Amino acid sequence: MNFGTLVNIGGTGYRQFGKKVLVTQMRFSTLQAIFEVDQEVQRQLDPQRRLEIREYILHSIENEHGIYFSPFIFSSRNKINKSEKGWELEPGCKMYILDGMHRAAAFASAINYLNARKETAEEVGQLVEAETVQGYIDQLKNYPVAMQIFLDLNQQEERQLFTDLNTERKEAHVGLIMQFDQRDEYTDLTRKVAKQLESKIEIEQRLSRLTSYNSAVTSLVVMRRCLIALFEGLLTIKRGKPKFAYCEKSEVPDISKAFFDSWIDMFPKQMGNRNKFVSGLTGIQLALAKTVHQLVQTHSITYFEAINRLKILKKYCNWKHTDPLFAHLYDPASGKIKYYSSTTAIQKTSQEFLAIIEKERK
C-alpha cells in the first residue's frame, strides 16, 4: 500500500440516483491503509461512541460471536477506474469515509488494545495468552468489511450524502432513551430506583460518560448496566426481556435498591471524586454487580445475603487508585487505574473482589 502501488479491487459497479457506485468487500487491514477522514465532510470523532463499539467488537470476538455491521460508505473522488482485472485505485490515492467512521476507529482501537495485551502477556511469560490474543488480532485484521464506494462524487455532494445518511437514521441520544423509553423493563426499573436514591446519591440523568469534572457518583445509563450485570451476569449489550433466574420478579425492585444502598456503606464519603477514588468509575461499579451475581450463582444464597457480603471489601480496600486491589489496572505513570471498563478488566476486578470475600468467609 505504499505510494506508487496500484490497488486492485474486486466488486460490482452500478448506478444509484445517477451516480456510479462500486459494491465490494475488503479486509480491514487493507481498507485501513487506503482510506482517510475528511474533516470538512465528517463530524468530529466521539471517543465514547468509539469505546462502546470497541467493547462490542472485543466481546464478540472473545466469546466467538459474529460481528455484524451494515456496509461502510466511501467516496473515491474519481480515483477508482474500471480495468480488465476489475477496478483500480490510482497509486498514492485514498478513499474518504462517509459512513462508518466510528466503526472503523473502533476496529483500529480494538487492534491497538489487543496488541498492548499481547505485549503484556509476553513480558510476563504468559505465552499461551499471547498466542490467543494474536488470534484475536488476526481475526480483526482479516474481518471482511462490506462497502459501497461512490465513484464520482465531489466534496459538496459528499457533504450532502453524509447529512442525508445521518439525518435519516440518527439514533436517539442514550440519555433521552433512559429518561423517556417506556418499552425496556431495565430502563423503567433504573428510573424508579434512581428516584428512590436521589436524596442519597447524586445521579447523572442525561450523560452516559462521567468525567472527572462531574460530581455525580453514577448515571442512569451505568445503573442500568449494573442491574443487567446484577441479575444476568452480562457486561455487554442486553436485548429482549429480563431474565431473573435467581430471585422472584417481585423482589427485583428491593434487591436493586439494596445494591445501590450498599455503596453508601462501602464507599468513601467523596465517592464521586474520580481523581481520588475509583468508586465513581463505571468498571468498578459493574464489577461489584458482577460479583453479587457470581456469589448468588455459585453459593446459592439470596441476593440480599450476597449484597451484604460486599461490605467485607470495606475492611480491605480504601478505594483509592493506588490500592493493591487494583494493581492489575494501575498505571504508575499517571498514578491512576486505566482501562478499567473493558469486559476483561471488569471480570478480573470482580475476581479480585470475590477472592477477598471468599478469604474472609473462610
Protein backbone atom coordinates (compact mmCIF):
# COMPACT_ATOMS: atom_id res chain seq x y z
CA MET A 1 0.00 0.00 0.00
CA ASN A 2 3.00 2.32 -0.35
CA PHE A 3 2.85 5.33 -2.61
CA GLY A 4 3.04 4.20 -6.20
CA THR A 5 1.42 0.82 -5.64
CA LEU A 6 -1.71 0.05 -7.66
CA VAL A 7 -4.60 -1.32 -5.60
CA ASN A 8 -6.85 -3.82 -7.37
CA ILE A 9 -10.42 -4.07 -6.07
CA GLY A 10 -12.96 -6.72 -6.98
CA GLY A 11 -16.65 -5.85 -6.96
CA THR A 12 -19.75 -4.93 -8.89
CA GLY A 13 -20.49 -1.49 -10.29
CA TYR A 14 -23.95 0.04 -10.76
CA ARG A 15 -25.69 3.42 -10.81
CA GLN A 16 -27.71 4.84 -7.93
CA PHE A 17 -29.60 8.12 -8.35
CA GLY A 18 -27.44 8.88 -11.36
CA LYS A 19 -24.17 8.25 -9.50
CA LYS A 20 -21.65 5.46 -10.06
CA VAL A 21 -21.33 3.06 -7.12
CA LEU A 22 -19.00 0.11 -6.54
CA VAL A 23 -20.11 -2.66 -4.16
CA THR A 24 -17.23 -4.66 -2.74
CA GLN A 25 -15.73 -6.32 0.31
CA MET A 26 -12.26 -5.83 1.74
CA ARG A 27 -10.17 -6.99 4.69
CA PHE A 28 -10.00 -4.34 7.39
CA SER A 29 -6.18 -4.26 7.34
CA THR A 30 -6.28 -3.46 3.61
CA LEU A 31 -9.06 -0.94 3.98
CA GLN A 32 -7.28 0.81 6.84
CA ALA A 33 -4.34 1.60 4.55
CA ILE A 34 -6.34 3.25 1.77
CA PHE A 35 -8.94 5.49 3.39
CA GLU A 36 -8.90 8.83 5.19
CA VAL A 37 -11.34 11.05 7.07
CA ASP A 38 -12.04 14.46 5.54
CA GLN A 39 -12.79 16.77 8.48
CA GLU A 40 -14.61 19.15 6.14
CA VAL A 41 -17.13 16.40 5.41
CA GLN A 42 -17.25 14.35 8.62
CA ARG A 43 -18.19 15.32 12.15
CA GLN A 44 -15.69 15.04 14.99
CA LEU A 45 -14.99 11.59 16.36
CA ASP A 46 -16.90 10.80 19.57
CA PRO A 47 -14.49 8.86 21.84
CA GLN A 48 -17.35 7.42 23.89
CA ARG A 49 -19.08 6.09 20.79
CA ARG A 50 -15.80 4.56 19.64
CA LEU A 51 -15.36 2.92 23.06
CA GLU A 52 -18.88 1.46 23.03
CA ILE A 53 -18.34 -0.09 19.60
CA ARG A 54 -14.87 -1.33 20.59
CA GLU A 55 -16.37 -3.08 23.63
CA TYR A 56 -18.91 -4.75 21.36
CA ILE A 57 -16.15 -5.88 18.98
CA LEU A 58 -13.92 -7.23 21.77
CA HIS A 59 -16.76 -9.04 23.49
CA SER A 60 -17.93 -10.58 20.23
CA ILE A 61 -14.52 -11.87 19.24
CA GLU A 62 -13.59 -13.15 22.72
CA ASN A 63 -16.90 -15.01 23.01
CA GLU A 64 -16.88 -16.27 19.41
CA HIS A 65 -19.95 -14.28 18.46
CA GLY A 66 -20.33 -12.81 15.00
CA ILE A 67 -19.59 -9.12 14.41
CA TYR A 68 -22.42 -7.59 12.41
CA PHE A 69 -22.21 -4.16 10.77
CA SER A 70 -24.06 -2.53 7.92
CA PRO A 71 -21.93 -1.64 4.85
CA PHE A 72 -19.42 1.20 5.21
CA ILE A 73 -19.82 4.00 2.68
CA PHE A 74 -16.88 5.72 0.93
CA SER A 75 -16.19 8.21 -1.80
CA SER A 76 -13.28 7.70 -4.21
CA ARG A 77 -13.45 11.16 -5.86
CA ASN A 78 -12.94 9.72 -9.35
CA LYS A 79 -9.76 7.88 -8.32
CA ILE A 80 -11.12 4.35 -8.89
CA ASN A 81 -11.31 3.26 -12.51
CA LYS A 82 -12.61 0.18 -14.32
CA SER A 83 -9.90 -2.16 -15.57
CA GLU A 84 -9.50 -5.60 -17.13
CA LYS A 85 -8.92 -7.08 -13.64
CA GLY A 86 -11.91 -5.32 -12.08
CA TRP A 87 -11.33 -1.92 -10.50
CA GLU A 88 -8.16 0.00 -9.68
CA LEU A 89 -7.45 2.72 -7.12
CA GLU A 90 -4.88 5.07 -8.61
CA PRO A 91 -1.42 4.89 -6.99
CA GLY A 92 -0.99 7.20 -4.00
CA CYS A 93 -4.73 7.98 -3.78
CA LYS A 94 -7.14 7.43 -0.91
CA MET A 95 -10.86 6.88 -0.41
CA TYR A 96 -12.82 9.09 2.00
CA ILE A 97 -15.20 7.58 4.53
CA LEU A 98 -18.75 8.95 4.62
CA ASP A 99 -20.44 6.43 6.91
CA GLY A 100 -18.65 4.07 9.30
CA MET A 101 -16.03 6.39 10.80
CA HIS A 102 -16.74 5.30 14.39
CA ARG A 103 -16.84 1.63 13.44
CA ALA A 104 -13.51 1.90 11.62
CA ALA A 105 -11.97 3.80 14.55
CA ALA A 106 -13.31 1.17 16.96
CA PHE A 107 -11.74 -1.63 14.90
CA ALA A 108 -8.37 0.15 14.95
CA SER A 109 -8.72 0.85 18.68
CA ALA A 110 -9.56 -2.81 19.39
CA ILE A 111 -6.47 -3.96 17.49
CA ASN A 112 -4.28 -1.48 19.41
CA TYR A 113 -5.79 -2.63 22.71
CA LEU A 114 -5.15 -6.28 21.86
CA ASN A 115 -1.58 -5.54 20.79
CA ALA A 116 -0.97 -3.97 24.20
CA ARG A 117 -2.48 -7.03 25.89
CA LYS A 118 -0.29 -9.32 23.85
CA GLU A 119 2.89 -7.41 24.74
CA THR A 120 1.99 -7.51 28.44
CA ALA A 121 1.37 -11.25 28.27
CA GLU A 122 4.70 -11.80 26.51
CA GLU A 123 6.58 -9.70 29.04
CA VAL A 124 5.29 -11.74 31.99
CA GLY A 125 5.81 -15.06 30.22
CA GLN A 126 2.15 -15.87 29.53
CA LEU A 127 2.84 -17.25 26.07
CA VAL A 128 -0.46 -19.13 25.70
CA GLU A 129 -2.37 -15.91 26.46
CA ALA A 130 -0.21 -14.01 23.99
CA GLU A 131 -0.94 -16.59 21.29
CA THR A 132 -4.67 -16.41 21.99
CA VAL A 133 -4.67 -12.63 21.75
CA GLN A 134 -2.70 -12.78 18.50
CA GLY A 135 -5.50 -14.93 17.14
CA TYR A 136 -8.00 -12.20 18.02
CA ILE A 137 -5.79 -9.59 16.31
CA ASP A 138 -5.57 -11.68 13.14
CA GLN A 139 -9.35 -12.12 13.07
CA LEU A 140 -9.93 -8.36 13.29
CA LYS A 141 -7.32 -7.55 10.66
CA ASN A 142 -8.91 -10.09 8.32
CA TYR A 143 -12.50 -9.06 9.06
CA PRO A 144 -14.31 -8.65 5.70
CA VAL A 145 -15.80 -5.15 5.58
CA ALA A 146 -18.79 -4.77 3.26
CA MET A 147 -18.56 -1.48 1.36
CA GLN A 148 -20.32 0.87 -1.01
CA ILE A 149 -17.95 3.22 -2.80
CA PHE A 150 -19.36 6.24 -4.62
CA LEU A 151 -17.02 6.77 -7.54
CA ASP A 152 -17.82 10.24 -8.87
CA LEU A 153 -18.98 12.49 -6.01
CA ASN A 154 -17.42 15.89 -5.43
CA GLN A 155 -16.83 17.23 -1.92
CA GLN A 156 -20.11 19.16 -1.83
CA GLU A 157 -22.04 16.06 -2.84
CA GLU A 158 -20.19 14.10 -0.14
CA ARG A 159 -21.36 16.60 2.49
CA GLN A 160 -24.90 16.29 1.25
CA LEU A 161 -24.80 12.48 1.33
CA PHE A 162 -23.26 12.49 4.81
CA THR A 163 -26.01 14.82 6.02
CA ASP A 164 -28.72 12.71 4.43
CA LEU A 165 -27.37 9.50 5.97
CA ASN A 166 -27.16 10.92 9.45
CA THR A 167 -30.45 12.80 9.28
CA GLU A 168 -32.44 9.81 8.11
CA ARG A 169 -31.17 7.28 10.63
CA LYS A 170 -29.90 9.35 13.54
CA GLU A 171 -30.13 7.38 16.77
CA ALA A 172 -31.74 8.84 19.85
CA HIS A 173 -29.28 10.06 22.47
CA VAL A 174 -28.82 7.37 25.11
CA GLY A 175 -29.62 9.90 27.84
CA LEU A 176 -33.01 10.62 26.27
CA ILE A 177 -33.68 6.90 25.98
CA MET A 178 -33.00 6.43 29.69
CA GLN A 179 -35.33 9.28 30.61
CA PHE A 180 -38.28 8.51 28.37
CA ASP A 181 -38.19 4.97 26.97
CA GLN A 182 -41.19 3.05 28.29
CA ARG A 183 -40.56 -0.22 26.44
CA ASP A 184 -37.45 -1.52 28.18
CA GLU A 185 -38.02 -3.06 31.61
CA TYR A 186 -34.48 -2.44 32.83
CA THR A 187 -34.72 1.22 31.85
CA ASP A 188 -38.00 1.61 33.70
CA LEU A 189 -36.57 -0.18 36.76
CA THR A 190 -33.50 2.08 36.68
CA ARG A 191 -35.60 5.24 36.72
CA LYS A 192 -37.68 4.01 39.65
CA VAL A 193 -34.64 3.01 41.72
CA ALA A 194 -32.86 6.28 40.91
CA LYS A 195 -35.91 8.19 42.13
CA GLN A 196 -35.68 6.40 45.49
CA LEU A 197 -31.96 7.14 45.77
CA GLU A 198 -31.93 10.78 44.68
CA SER A 199 -31.59 12.07 48.26
CA LYS A 200 -28.64 9.75 48.98
CA ILE A 201 -26.57 9.56 45.80
CA GLU A 202 -26.03 12.15 43.07
CA ILE A 203 -27.07 10.53 39.79
CA GLU A 204 -26.47 11.97 36.32
CA GLN A 205 -29.76 11.84 34.43
CA ARG A 206 -28.65 12.64 30.88
CA LEU A 207 -24.99 11.87 30.25
CA SER A 208 -23.65 8.34 29.92
CA ARG A 209 -19.96 9.18 30.31
CA LEU A 210 -18.92 10.93 33.51
CA THR A 211 -15.70 12.92 33.51
CA SER A 212 -13.60 13.94 36.49
CA TYR A 213 -15.38 17.29 36.44
CA ASN A 214 -18.79 15.72 37.04
CA SER A 215 -19.67 15.32 40.72
CA ALA A 216 -22.32 12.63 40.13
CA VAL A 217 -21.45 9.20 41.50
CA THR A 218 -23.07 7.34 38.62
CA SER A 219 -25.55 7.81 35.77
CA LEU A 220 -28.84 6.25 34.71
CA VAL A 221 -27.00 4.57 31.83
CA VAL A 222 -24.42 2.97 34.14
CA MET A 223 -27.08 2.00 36.69
CA ARG A 224 -28.98 0.12 34.00
CA ARG A 225 -25.81 -1.75 33.04
CA CYS A 226 -25.23 -2.58 36.71
CA LEU A 227 -28.71 -4.06 37.02
CA ILE A 228 -28.18 -6.23 33.96
CA ALA A 229 -24.88 -7.49 35.42
CA LEU A 230 -26.53 -7.96 38.82
CA PHE A 231 -29.41 -10.14 37.63
CA GLU A 232 -27.99 -11.77 34.49
CA GLY A 233 -24.21 -11.51 34.80
CA LEU A 234 -23.99 -9.75 31.42
CA LEU A 235 -21.47 -6.97 30.83
CA THR A 236 -22.44 -6.25 27.24
CA ILE A 237 -25.49 -5.03 25.36
CA LYS A 238 -28.73 -6.59 26.55
CA ARG A 239 -31.68 -7.01 24.25
CA GLY A 240 -35.05 -8.56 24.95
CA LYS A 241 -36.87 -9.36 28.16
CA PRO A 242 -35.06 -9.50 31.51
CA LYS A 243 -34.26 -12.94 32.93
CA PHE A 244 -34.39 -13.10 36.72
CA ALA A 245 -33.07 -16.62 37.26
CA TYR A 246 -32.16 -16.40 40.95
CA CYS A 247 -34.99 -14.41 42.50
CA GLU A 248 -38.69 -13.70 42.21
CA LYS A 249 -39.64 -10.81 39.97
CA SER A 250 -41.46 -9.21 42.88
CA GLU A 251 -38.11 -8.99 44.75
CA VAL A 252 -36.29 -7.20 41.96
CA PRO A 253 -37.04 -3.57 43.00
CA ASP A 254 -35.93 -4.14 46.61
CA ILE A 255 -32.79 -6.04 45.52
CA SER A 256 -31.91 -3.26 43.09
CA LYS A 257 -32.23 -0.57 45.73
CA ALA A 258 -30.29 -2.66 48.25
CA PHE A 259 -27.38 -2.99 45.81
CA PHE A 260 -27.03 0.76 45.31
CA ASP A 261 -27.65 1.44 49.01
CA SER A 262 -24.65 -0.78 49.77
CA TRP A 263 -22.40 1.76 48.05
CA ILE A 264 -23.15 4.24 50.83
CA ASP A 265 -21.81 1.77 53.41
CA MET A 266 -18.78 0.68 51.35
CA PHE A 267 -17.55 3.75 49.52
CA PRO A 268 -15.79 6.82 50.99
CA LYS A 269 -17.79 9.99 51.56
CA GLN A 270 -16.32 11.60 48.44
CA MET A 271 -17.29 8.62 46.32
CA GLY A 272 -17.89 10.78 43.26
CA ASN A 273 -14.33 12.19 43.29
CA ARG A 274 -12.85 10.19 40.41
CA ASN A 275 -9.42 11.79 40.73
CA LYS A 276 -9.01 10.41 44.25
CA PHE A 277 -11.24 7.32 44.39
CA VAL A 278 -12.26 4.58 41.97
CA SER A 279 -15.79 4.31 43.38
CA GLY A 280 -17.21 6.60 40.69
CA LEU A 281 -15.76 4.64 37.78
CA THR A 282 -18.05 2.56 35.58
CA GLY A 283 -15.83 -0.52 35.51
CA ILE A 284 -15.67 -0.71 39.32
CA GLN A 285 -19.43 -0.36 39.72
CA LEU A 286 -20.07 -3.05 37.12
CA ALA A 287 -17.53 -5.33 38.79
CA LEU A 288 -19.43 -5.07 42.07
CA ALA A 289 -22.69 -6.01 40.35
CA LYS A 290 -20.96 -8.93 38.62
CA THR A 291 -19.56 -10.03 42.00
CA VAL A 292 -23.03 -10.20 43.54
CA HIS A 293 -24.31 -12.24 40.62
CA GLN A 294 -21.39 -14.66 41.00
CA LEU A 295 -22.00 -15.06 44.73
CA VAL A 296 -25.68 -15.81 44.18
CA GLN A 297 -24.97 -18.19 41.33
CA THR A 298 -22.08 -20.04 42.96
CA HIS A 299 -23.15 -20.24 46.61
CA SER A 300 -26.93 -20.48 46.19
CA ILE A 301 -27.52 -17.59 48.59
CA THR A 302 -30.07 -14.81 48.28
CA TYR A 303 -29.28 -11.51 46.64
CA PHE A 304 -29.63 -9.74 49.97
CA GLU A 305 -27.03 -12.05 51.54
CA ALA A 306 -24.68 -11.54 48.62
CA ILE A 307 -25.05 -7.76 48.73
CA ASN A 308 -24.36 -7.80 52.45
CA ARG A 309 -21.09 -9.68 51.79
CA LEU A 310 -19.86 -6.79 49.64
CA LYS A 311 -19.37 -4.84 52.85
CA ILE A 312 -16.40 -7.11 53.60
CA LEU A 313 -14.50 -5.18 50.91
CA LYS A 314 -14.50 -2.04 53.05
CA LYS A 315 -12.22 -3.78 55.55
CA TYR A 316 -9.59 -4.49 52.89
CA CYS A 317 -9.96 -1.64 50.42
CA ASN A 318 -9.67 2.15 50.69
CA TRP A 319 -11.00 2.62 47.11
CA LYS A 320 -8.03 4.75 46.10
CA HIS A 321 -6.37 4.27 42.72
CA THR A 322 -3.21 3.09 44.49
CA ASP A 323 -4.94 0.34 46.47
CA PRO A 324 -3.22 -3.03 45.79
CA LEU A 325 -6.63 -4.49 44.97
CA PHE A 326 -6.46 -2.61 41.66
CA ALA A 327 -2.85 -3.47 40.83
CA HIS A 328 -3.99 -5.17 37.62
CA LEU A 329 -5.32 -1.82 36.41
CA TYR A 330 -2.83 0.60 37.94
CA ASP A 331 -0.72 2.83 35.69
CA PRO A 332 2.36 4.13 37.56
CA ALA A 333 2.92 6.91 35.03
CA SER A 334 -0.43 8.57 35.72
CA GLY A 335 -0.83 7.34 39.30
CA LYS A 336 -4.35 6.11 38.48
CA ILE A 337 -6.06 2.99 37.24
CA LYS A 338 -6.66 2.75 33.49
CA TYR A 339 -8.52 0.52 31.02
CA TYR A 340 -10.97 -0.46 33.76
CA SER A 341 -14.10 -0.59 31.56
CA SER A 342 -13.26 -3.41 29.18
CA THR A 343 -15.10 -6.68 29.69
CA THR A 344 -11.85 -8.43 30.55
CA ALA A 345 -10.87 -5.80 33.11
CA ILE A 346 -14.30 -5.87 34.78
CA GLN A 347 -14.20 -9.65 35.05
CA LYS A 348 -10.70 -9.52 36.54
CA THR A 349 -11.74 -6.87 39.08
CA SER A 350 -14.76 -8.97 40.02
CA GLN A 351 -12.47 -11.94 40.57
CA GLU A 352 -10.33 -9.84 42.91
CA PHE A 353 -13.44 -8.84 44.88
CA LEU A 354 -14.58 -12.46 45.08
CA ALA A 355 -11.17 -13.61 46.31
CA ILE A 356 -11.30 -11.19 49.25
CA ILE A 357 -14.88 -12.14 50.14
CA GLU A 358 -14.07 -15.85 49.96
CA LYS A 359 -10.95 -15.43 52.11
CA GLU A 360 -12.87 -13.57 54.79
CA ARG A 361 -15.73 -16.04 54.73
CA LYS A 362 -13.39 -19.00 55.27
